Amino acid sequence: MARVLLSVPTGDGLIWSMVDEALGNLDRGGHEIVQRNVSFYGVDEAREIMAQTALDEGCDYLFMVDSDTVVPENALVDLMSNGVDVCLGYYERGSDDGGRTAVIEIGHNDYRVSYQADELKEMRDDGDVIVRVKGGGMGCALIRTVVFDRIPKPWFLHQRNQDGSSLGEDYYFCEKCGNNGVHVYVDTRVGCDHLKLTYRRMRDGKGSLRLPEQA
């Protein structure tokens, strides 16, 4: 049995009710779950605090879920079943109607080269459950805490470059993983609902409320 820190970063202290309900229905697989949400910080600071808390509390894993990301009931069990150091669920980008996810294909330096949600679903249907990737968003992410001992701080940082470009804290973490021999994977069974996108589509009359698919 593993000890897992479940943590939600919330800038305003609020978690969408559907997210809270989904976490309450999460299959824990017999593991010990400790929940410590982090509020009123920037997301990079919040994730840094979450990682340190997981270490301080003697947890084997950190399971991060964003406050607007509805995870399927099987998310934790499926992510843990892969036995890898960093494993992500996936969801469509909140600002994109094209079905793109925040999961980046391996072999590309450009963080705009991301998988479509339908591509990952097709992989799942073809039996490709675990796929190595360059990186991805941390809205649903399971990380072994030993990873934080293997890579130097800061683990999460919104990096702003002199040329005006920037790298989000989630991609920054994945870059540091890659530079320190830690592989990142996505589990194609763990498709999540991004409520920011879902409600924007409802507002624009382009979609309806749905729950995440179960594999």
Foldseek 3Di string as FASTA:
>chain_A
DFEEEEEEEELAPDAPPLQVVLVVLADPVPYHYDYDYHYNDPPLVRVQVQLVVCVVVVGFKYWYAYRQKRWHNCQVVLQVVVVAAKEFEWEADLVDPPQFIQFAAPPDPDSVRTDGLVVLLVCVVVVNFKAWGLFGDRNTMMGGSVVPVQFDPPQFDFAADPVGDTDHRRSSNSVRCVVRVGIYIYGSQIYIYRRSNQVVCVVVVNHHDDGDDGD
